[in-house]
């Protein structure tokens, strides 16, 4: 199982689908984990290297000791740390619900990591 020890102090679970293509990071809404995107993966992974993490406090990613640290800024920092660790460079980023806010924060705080934003 792929885990990344983030510089934000969390151990994040993630999956990568597709062997080639530009990276595409998918960020889900409140309480959702990487399973949210299963229906999209067959098509997306034909063209992209799709990254589906479990955000802080959900799925297999560790919960922060202080639950008040689940802010957009903290979640965007988690996403940035994961992208830095994976070393794929700038990614296309899609967000659904809360994930859209996290994606926007990621784009604002680390524009070097965001090739395009897709907000839903």
C-alpha atoms as a PDB file:
ATOM      1  CA  UNK A   1       0.000   0.000   0.000  1.00  0.00           C
ATOM      2  CA  UNK A   2       1.421   3.373  -0.909  1.00  0.00           C
ATOM      3  CA  UNK A   3       1.839   5.832   1.922  1.00  0.00           C
ATOM      4  CA  UNK A   4       3.730   9.105   2.010  1.00  0.00           C
ATOM      5  CA  UNK A   5       5.119  10.687   5.166  1.00  0.00           C
ATOM      6  CA  UNK A   6       4.244  14.325   4.556  1.00  0.00           C
ATOM      7  CA  UNK A   7       6.198  17.297   5.829  1.00  0.00           C
ATOM      8  CA  UNK A   8       2.927  18.383   7.469  1.00  0.00           C
ATOM      9  CA  UNK A   9       3.316  15.506   9.937  1.00  0.00           C
ATOM     10  CA  UNK A  10       0.714  13.154   8.472  1.00  0.00           C
ATOM     11  CA  UNK A  11       1.066   9.746   6.904  1.00  0.00           C
ATOM     12  CA  UNK A  12      -1.092   9.937   3.772  1.00  0.00           C
ATOM     13  CA  UNK A  13      -2.511   6.996   1.873  1.00  0.00           C
ATOM     14  CA  UNK A  14      -2.745   7.452  -1.892  1.00  0.00           C
ATOM     15  CA  UNK A  15      -3.133   5.454  -5.073  1.00  0.00           C
ATOM     16  CA  UNK A  16      -1.756   6.094  -8.539  1.00  0.00           C
ATOM     17  CA  UNK A  17      -3.634   4.839 -11.584  1.00  0.00           C
ATOM     18  CA  UNK A  18      -2.151   4.867 -15.072  1.00  0.00           C
ATOM     19  CA  UNK A  19       1.436   4.317 -16.085  1.00  0.00           C
ATOM     20  CA  UNK A  20       2.104   7.447 -18.076  1.00  0.00           C
ATOM     21  CA  UNK A  21       0.824  10.866 -18.952  1.00  0.00           C
ATOM     22  CA  UNK A  22       0.633  14.080 -17.010  1.00  0.00           C
ATOM     23  CA  UNK A  23      -0.250  13.852 -13.319  1.00  0.00           C
ATOM     24  CA  UNK A  24      -3.889  14.470 -12.382  1.00  0.00           C
ATOM     25  CA  UNK A  25      -4.660  14.926  -8.671  1.00  0.00           C
ATOM     26  CA  UNK A  26      -8.257  14.239  -7.581  1.00  0.00           C
ATOM     27  CA  UNK A  27      -9.428  15.831  -4.299  1.00  0.00           C
ATOM     28  CA  UNK A  28     -12.721  14.701  -2.818  1.00  0.00           C
ATOM     29  CA  UNK A  29     -15.341  16.228  -0.583  1.00  0.00           C
ATOM     30  CA  UNK A  30     -15.997  15.969   3.133  1.00  0.00           C
ATOM     31  CA  UNK A  31     -15.633  12.449   4.457  1.00  0.00           C
ATOM     32  CA  UNK A  32     -14.731  10.925   1.081  1.00  0.00           C
ATOM     33  CA  UNK A  33     -11.646   8.866   0.390  1.00  0.00           C
ATOM     34  CA  UNK A  34      -9.955   7.576  -2.757  1.00  0.00           C
ATOM     35  CA  UNK A  35     -12.917   5.288  -3.522  1.00  0.00           C
ATOM     36  CA  UNK A  36     -14.981   8.326  -4.586  1.00  0.00           C
ATOM     37  CA  UNK A  37     -13.198   8.375  -7.952  1.00  0.00           C
ATOM     38  CA  UNK A  38     -13.442   4.691  -8.925  1.00  0.00           C
ATOM     39  CA  UNK A  39     -15.942   5.309 -11.735  1.00  0.00           C
ATOM     40  CA  UNK A  40     -13.677   7.875 -13.407  1.00  0.00           C
ATOM     41  CA  UNK A  41     -10.407   5.959 -13.214  1.00  0.00           C
ATOM     42  CA  UNK A  42     -10.716   3.687 -16.279  1.00  0.00           C
ATOM     43  CA  UNK A  43     -11.045   6.637 -18.664  1.00  0.00           C
ATOM     44  CA  UNK A  44      -8.731   9.079 -16.881  1.00  0.00           C
ATOM     45  CA  UNK A  45      -5.928   6.571 -16.377  1.00  0.00           C
ATOM     46  CA  UNK A  46      -5.737   5.928 -20.129  1.00  0.00           C
ATOM     47  CA  UNK A  47      -4.475   9.482 -20.605  1.00  0.00           C
ATOM     48  CA  UNK A  48      -3.150  10.619 -17.209  1.00  0.00           C
ATOM     49  CA  UNK A  49      -1.246   9.393 -14.182  1.00  0.00           C
ATOM     50  CA  UNK A  50      -4.130   9.788 -11.713  1.00  0.00           C
ATOM     51  CA  UNK A  51      -3.395  10.390  -8.026  1.00  0.00           C
ATOM     52  CA  UNK A  52      -6.202   9.689  -5.544  1.00  0.00           C
ATOM     53  CA  UNK A  53      -5.245  10.449  -1.926  1.00  0.00           C
ATOM     54  CA  UNK A  54      -7.219   9.955   1.254  1.00  0.00           C
ATOM     55  CA  UNK A  55      -7.359  13.444   2.806  1.00  0.00           C
ATOM     56  CA  UNK A  56      -6.461  14.030   6.450  1.00  0.00           C
ATOM     57  CA  UNK A  57      -8.870  12.324   8.811  1.00  0.00           C
ATOM     58  CA  UNK A  58     -10.408   9.991   6.210  1.00  0.00           C
ATOM     59  CA  UNK A  59      -9.661   6.544   4.845  1.00  0.00           C
ATOM     60  CA  UNK A  60      -6.198   5.283   5.698  1.00  0.00           C
ATOM     61  CA  UNK A  61      -4.549   8.680   6.166  1.00  0.00           C
ATOM     62  CA  UNK A  62      -3.704   9.474   9.770  1.00  0.00           C
ATOM     63  CA  UNK A  63      -5.890  11.831  11.746  1.00  0.00           C
ATOM     64  CA  UNK A  64      -4.228  14.950  13.066  1.00  0.00           C
ATOM     65  CA  UNK A  65      -3.897  15.084  16.853  1.00  0.00           C
ATOM     66  CA  UNK A  66      -5.839  18.363  16.861  1.00  0.00           C
ATOM     67  CA  UNK A  67      -9.038  18.078  14.751  1.00  0.00           C
ATOM     68  CA  UNK A  68      -9.161  21.856  14.367  1.00  0.00           C
ATOM     69  CA  UNK A  69      -6.219  21.542  11.969  1.00  0.00           C
ATOM     70  CA  UNK A  70      -8.492  20.273   9.177  1.00  0.00           C
ATOM     71  CA  UNK A  71      -8.540  23.639   7.397  1.00  0.00           C
ATOM     72  CA  UNK A  72      -8.384  24.276   3.656  1.00  0.00           C
ATOM     73  CA  UNK A  73      -4.855  25.623   4.109  1.00  0.00           C
ATOM     74  CA  UNK A  74      -3.718  22.490   5.973  1.00  0.00           C
ATOM     75  CA  UNK A  75      -5.325  20.164   3.429  1.00  0.00           C
ATOM     76  CA  UNK A  76      -3.755  22.117   0.543  1.00  0.00           C
ATOM     77  CA  UNK A  77      -0.379  21.839   2.294  1.00  0.00           C
ATOM     78  CA  UNK A  78      -0.917  18.067   2.502  1.00  0.00           C
ATOM     79  CA  UNK A  79      -1.647  17.911  -1.237  1.00  0.00           C
ATOM     80  CA  UNK A  80       1.410  20.044  -2.012  1.00  0.00           C
ATOM     81  CA  UNK A  81       3.623  17.859   0.151  1.00  0.00           C
ATOM     82  CA  UNK A  82       2.341  14.720  -1.595  1.00  0.00           C
ATOM     83  CA  UNK A  83       2.995  16.212  -5.041  1.00  0.00           C
ATOM     84  CA  UNK A  84       6.481  17.281  -3.937  1.00  0.00           C
ATOM     85  CA  UNK A  85       7.250  13.779  -2.655  1.00  0.00           C
ATOM     86  CA  UNK A  86       5.968  12.093  -5.821  1.00  0.00           C
ATOM     87  CA  UNK A  87       8.112  14.415  -7.938  1.00  0.00           C
ATOM     88  CA  UNK A  88       5.801  14.505 -10.973  1.00  0.00           C
ATOM     89  CA  UNK A  89       5.894  18.303 -11.226  1.00  0.00           C
ATOM     90  CA  UNK A  90       2.799  20.389 -11.867  1.00  0.00           C
ATOM     91  CA  UNK A  91      -0.462  18.442 -11.950  1.00  0.00           C
ATOM     92  CA  UNK A  92      -3.935  18.968 -13.256  1.00  0.00           C
ATOM     93  CA  UNK A  93      -6.078  19.211 -10.115  1.00  0.00           C
ATOM     94  CA  UNK A  94      -9.780  18.415  -9.816  1.00  0.00           C
ATOM     95  CA  UNK A  95     -11.821  19.014  -6.698  1.00  0.00           C
ATOM     96  CA  UNK A  96     -15.334  18.014  -5.738  1.00  0.00           C
ATOM     97  CA  UNK A  97     -17.211  19.918  -3.027  1.00  0.00           C
ATOM     98  CA  UNK A  98     -14.712  20.599  -0.209  1.00  0.00           C
ATOM     99  CA  UNK A  99     -12.009  19.315  -2.539  1.00  0.00           C
ATOM    100  CA  UNK A 100     -12.699  22.305  -4.812  1.00  0.00           C
ATOM    101  CA  UNK A 101     -11.852  24.695  -1.998  1.00  0.00           C
ATOM    102  CA  UNK A 102      -8.701  22.732  -1.231  1.00  0.00           C
ATOM    103  CA  UNK A 103      -7.760  22.768  -4.923  1.00  0.00           C
ATOM    104  CA  UNK A 104      -8.215  26.553  -5.080  1.00  0.00           C
ATOM    105  CA  UNK A 105      -6.066  26.993  -1.967  1.00  0.00           C
ATOM    106  CA  UNK A 106      -3.420  24.728  -3.499  1.00  0.00           C
ATOM    107  CA  UNK A 107      -3.442  26.849  -6.649  1.00  0.00           C
ATOM    108  CA  UNK A 108      -3.127  30.057  -4.634  1.00  0.00           C
ATOM    109  CA  UNK A 109      -0.412  28.821  -2.276  1.00  0.00           C
ATOM    110  CA  UNK A 110       1.609  26.658  -4.691  1.00  0.00           C
ATOM    111  CA  UNK A 111       0.870  27.729  -8.268  1.00  0.00           C
ATOM    112  CA  UNK A 112       4.025  25.905  -9.357  1.00  0.00           C
ATOM    113  CA  UNK A 113       2.242  22.608  -8.652  1.00  0.00           C
ATOM    114  CA  UNK A 114      -1.032  23.332 -10.500  1.00  0.00           C
ATOM    115  CA  UNK A 115      -1.198  23.010 -14.272  1.00  0.00           C
ATOM    116  CA  UNK A 116      -4.998  23.402 -14.423  1.00  0.00           C
ATOM    117  CA  UNK A 117      -7.953  23.499 -12.002  1.00  0.00           C
ATOM    118  CA  UNK A 118     -11.250  21.655 -12.458  1.00  0.00           C
ATOM    119  CA  UNK A 119     -13.762  22.574  -9.763  1.00  0.00           C
ATOM    120  CA  UNK A 120     -17.047  20.771  -9.196  1.00  0.00           C
END
